[in-house]
Amino acid sequence: MPNSPPVFMKRPERKAWRPESKRDTNRIRGSKGQKLRKRRMERTNWLCEDCSAKGLVRTADVVDHIKPLALGGEDVDSNTRNLCNDCHKVRTKEQFGRNTPPPSKVDRLRP
């Protein structure tokens, strides 16, 4: 049975993993992080911003960074949006290039 040639897809450029202590922006944890999350959620009355733009009413579950911290974004209020889990999954796929269509068979055969 013939095997298909291996598929090599380039991943989007990302910063290499670094320990929490050596990151440019450390994640805020504990009660301080909870207060910050609560304040950001109250900004939109705990509603998903993407769903609200579509005319839907859904509760936000995640405070998402518009420009991800992993790609050099800052942990400030102006760089955050409140999203439901479904919208957050879609946005994350868009940001990290995981929703791109697979290459055609012709592209796979090219060196």
C-alpha atoms as a PDB file:
ATOM      1  CA  MET A   1       0.000   0.000   0.000  1.00  0.00           C
ATOM      2  CA  PRO A   2       1.595   3.307  -1.047  1.00  0.00           C
ATOM      3  CA  ASN A   3       2.231   5.913   1.587  1.00  0.00           C
ATOM      4  CA  SER A   4       1.564   9.556   0.981  1.00  0.00           C
ATOM      5  CA  PRO A   5       4.540  11.899   1.251  1.00  0.00           C
ATOM      6  CA  PRO A   6       4.948  13.689   4.573  1.00  0.00           C
ATOM      7  CA  VAL A   7       3.319  17.087   4.893  1.00  0.00           C
ATOM      8  CA  PHE A   8       5.507  19.890   6.194  1.00  0.00           C
ATOM      9  CA  MET A   9       3.605  23.017   7.166  1.00  0.00           C
ATOM     10  CA  LYS A  10       5.285  26.081   8.569  1.00  0.00           C
ATOM     11  CA  ARG A  11       3.990  27.255  11.901  1.00  0.00           C
ATOM     12  CA  PRO A  12       3.618  30.965  12.560  1.00  0.00           C
ATOM     13  CA  GLU A  13       6.585  32.628  14.223  1.00  0.00           C
ATOM     14  CA  ARG A  14       6.276  32.747  17.999  1.00  0.00           C
ATOM     15  CA  LYS A  15       8.491  33.637  20.875  1.00  0.00           C
ATOM     16  CA  ALA A  16      10.240  30.693  22.467  1.00  0.00           C
ATOM     17  CA  TRP A  17       8.913  29.518  25.821  1.00  0.00           C
ATOM     18  CA  ARG A  18      10.515  31.193  28.794  1.00  0.00           C
ATOM     19  CA  PRO A  19       9.991  30.539  32.487  1.00  0.00           C
ATOM     20  CA  GLU A  20       7.524  32.859  34.241  1.00  0.00           C
ATOM     21  CA  SER A  21      10.357  34.635  36.058  1.00  0.00           C
ATOM     22  CA  LYS A  22      12.056  35.668  32.789  1.00  0.00           C
ATOM     23  CA  ARG A  23       9.013  36.831  30.821  1.00  0.00           C
ATOM     24  CA  ASP A  24       8.519  40.451  29.850  1.00  0.00           C
ATOM     25  CA  THR A  25       5.041  40.473  31.387  1.00  0.00           C
ATOM     26  CA  ASN A  26       4.369  38.185  34.319  1.00  0.00           C
ATOM     27  CA  ARG A  27       0.909  36.726  34.736  1.00  0.00           C
ATOM     28  CA  ILE A  28      -1.012  38.260  37.605  1.00  0.00           C
ATOM     29  CA  ARG A  29      -2.277  35.522  39.908  1.00  0.00           C
ATOM     30  CA  GLY A  30      -4.124  35.232  43.190  1.00  0.00           C
ATOM     31  CA  SER A  31      -6.538  37.791  44.613  1.00  0.00           C
ATOM     32  CA  LYS A  32      -4.927  40.634  42.660  1.00  0.00           C
ATOM     33  CA  GLY A  33      -5.525  38.750  39.395  1.00  0.00           C
ATOM     34  CA  GLN A  34      -9.104  37.930  40.393  1.00  0.00           C
ATOM     35  CA  LYS A  35      -9.849  41.594  41.144  1.00  0.00           C
ATOM     36  CA  LEU A  36      -8.335  42.639  37.825  1.00  0.00           C
ATOM     37  CA  ARG A  37     -10.406  40.037  35.942  1.00  0.00           C
ATOM     38  CA  LYS A  38     -13.575  41.108  37.761  1.00  0.00           C
ATOM     39  CA  ARG A  39     -12.972  44.769  36.910  1.00  0.00           C
ATOM     40  CA  ARG A  40     -12.390  43.924  33.251  1.00  0.00           C
ATOM     41  CA  MET A  41     -15.512  41.725  33.097  1.00  0.00           C
ATOM     42  CA  GLU A  42     -17.666  44.422  34.695  1.00  0.00           C
ATOM     43  CA  ARG A  43     -16.607  46.788  31.916  1.00  0.00           C
ATOM     44  CA  THR A  44     -19.017  44.933  29.574  1.00  0.00           C
ATOM     45  CA  ASN A  45     -21.471  43.721  32.244  1.00  0.00           C
ATOM     46  CA  TRP A  46     -20.034  40.198  31.947  1.00  0.00           C
ATOM     47  CA  LEU A  47     -21.183  39.920  28.304  1.00  0.00           C
ATOM     48  CA  CYS A  48     -19.224  38.533  25.357  1.00  0.00           C
ATOM     49  CA  GLU A  49     -18.096  41.413  23.139  1.00  0.00           C
ATOM     50  CA  ASP A  50     -18.095  39.386  19.894  1.00  0.00           C
ATOM     51  CA  CYS A  51     -21.597  38.014  20.511  1.00  0.00           C
ATOM     52  CA  SER A  52     -22.869  41.494  21.434  1.00  0.00           C
ATOM     53  CA  ALA A  53     -21.557  42.802  18.102  1.00  0.00           C
ATOM     54  CA  LYS A  54     -23.639  40.087  16.373  1.00  0.00           C
ATOM     55  CA  GLY A  55     -26.741  40.995  18.396  1.00  0.00           C
ATOM     56  CA  LEU A  56     -26.523  37.945  20.675  1.00  0.00           C
ATOM     57  CA  VAL A  57     -26.506  37.938  24.473  1.00  0.00           C
ATOM     58  CA  ARG A  58     -24.003  35.496  25.993  1.00  0.00           C
ATOM     59  CA  THR A  59     -22.085  35.564  29.237  1.00  0.00           C
ATOM     60  CA  ALA A  60     -18.343  36.150  28.914  1.00  0.00           C
ATOM     61  CA  ASP A  61     -16.114  33.421  30.349  1.00  0.00           C
ATOM     62  CA  VAL A  62     -12.639  34.634  29.387  1.00  0.00           C
ATOM     63  CA  VAL A  63     -10.717  37.902  29.450  1.00  0.00           C
ATOM     64  CA  ASP A  64      -8.801  37.621  26.174  1.00  0.00           C
ATOM     65  CA  HIS A  65      -5.797  39.682  25.124  1.00  0.00           C
ATOM     66  CA  ILE A  66      -6.319  41.348  21.743  1.00  0.00           C
ATOM     67  CA  LYS A  67      -2.599  41.140  21.025  1.00  0.00           C
ATOM     68  CA  PRO A  68      -1.494  37.988  22.882  1.00  0.00           C
ATOM     69  CA  LEU A  69       1.137  38.309  25.578  1.00  0.00           C
ATOM     70  CA  ALA A  70       3.092  35.555  23.799  1.00  0.00           C
ATOM     71  CA  LEU A  71       3.348  37.821  20.750  1.00  0.00           C
ATOM     72  CA  GLY A  72       4.455  40.901  22.662  1.00  0.00           C
ATOM     73  CA  GLY A  73       1.101  42.298  23.821  1.00  0.00           C
ATOM     74  CA  GLU A  74       0.769  44.186  27.093  1.00  0.00           C
ATOM     75  CA  ASP A  75      -1.375  43.230  30.069  1.00  0.00           C
ATOM     76  CA  VAL A  76      -3.384  46.463  30.130  1.00  0.00           C
ATOM     77  CA  ASP A  77      -7.149  47.035  29.994  1.00  0.00           C
ATOM     78  CA  SER A  78      -7.028  48.508  26.486  1.00  0.00           C
ATOM     79  CA  ASN A  79      -5.500  45.232  25.201  1.00  0.00           C
ATOM     80  CA  THR A  80      -8.271  42.996  26.585  1.00  0.00           C
ATOM     81  CA  ARG A  81     -11.749  41.944  25.523  1.00  0.00           C
ATOM     82  CA  ASN A  82     -14.340  39.737  27.206  1.00  0.00           C
ATOM     83  CA  LEU A  83     -15.334  36.629  25.260  1.00  0.00           C
ATOM     84  CA  CYS A  84     -17.418  33.482  25.710  1.00  0.00           C
ATOM     85  CA  ASN A  85     -15.575  30.162  25.354  1.00  0.00           C
ATOM     86  CA  ASP A  86     -16.767  29.607  21.771  1.00  0.00           C
ATOM     87  CA  CYS A  87     -15.626  33.049  20.568  1.00  0.00           C
ATOM     88  CA  HIS A  88     -12.346  32.655  22.451  1.00  0.00           C
ATOM     89  CA  LYS A  89     -11.594  29.395  20.607  1.00  0.00           C
ATOM     90  CA  VAL A  90     -12.265  31.066  17.247  1.00  0.00           C
ATOM     91  CA  ARG A  91     -10.075  34.092  18.070  1.00  0.00           C
ATOM     92  CA  THR A  92      -7.222  31.918  19.335  1.00  0.00           C
ATOM     93  CA  LYS A  93      -7.263  29.872  16.124  1.00  0.00           C
ATOM     94  CA  GLU A  94      -7.151  33.089  14.087  1.00  0.00           C
ATOM     95  CA  GLN A  95      -4.274  34.558  16.087  1.00  0.00           C
ATOM     96  CA  PHE A  96      -2.072  31.495  16.029  1.00  0.00           C
ATOM     97  CA  GLY A  97      -2.855  30.366  12.467  1.00  0.00           C
ATOM     98  CA  ARG A  98      -4.429  27.036  13.294  1.00  0.00           C
ATOM     99  CA  ASN A  99      -7.548  27.578  11.207  1.00  0.00           C
ATOM    100  CA  THR A 100      -5.754  27.834   7.880  1.00  0.00           C
ATOM    101  CA  PRO A 101      -6.954  25.330   5.292  1.00  0.00           C
ATOM    102  CA  PRO A 102      -4.682  22.365   4.648  1.00  0.00           C
ATOM    103  CA  PRO A 103      -2.467  22.663   1.564  1.00  0.00           C
ATOM    104  CA  SER A 104      -3.739  21.144  -1.657  1.00  0.00           C
ATOM    105  CA  LYS A 105      -2.231  17.911  -2.945  1.00  0.00           C
ATOM    106  CA  VAL A 106      -0.217  19.876  -5.512  1.00  0.00           C
ATOM    107  CA  ASP A 107       1.322  22.051  -2.772  1.00  0.00           C
ATOM    108  CA  ARG A 108       2.265  18.979  -0.751  1.00  0.00           C
ATOM    109  CA  LEU A 109       4.306  17.550  -3.611  1.00  0.00           C
ATOM    110  CA  ARG A 110       6.328  20.708  -4.197  1.00  0.00           C
ATOM    111  CA  PRO A 111       9.760  20.784  -2.536  1.00  0.00           C
END
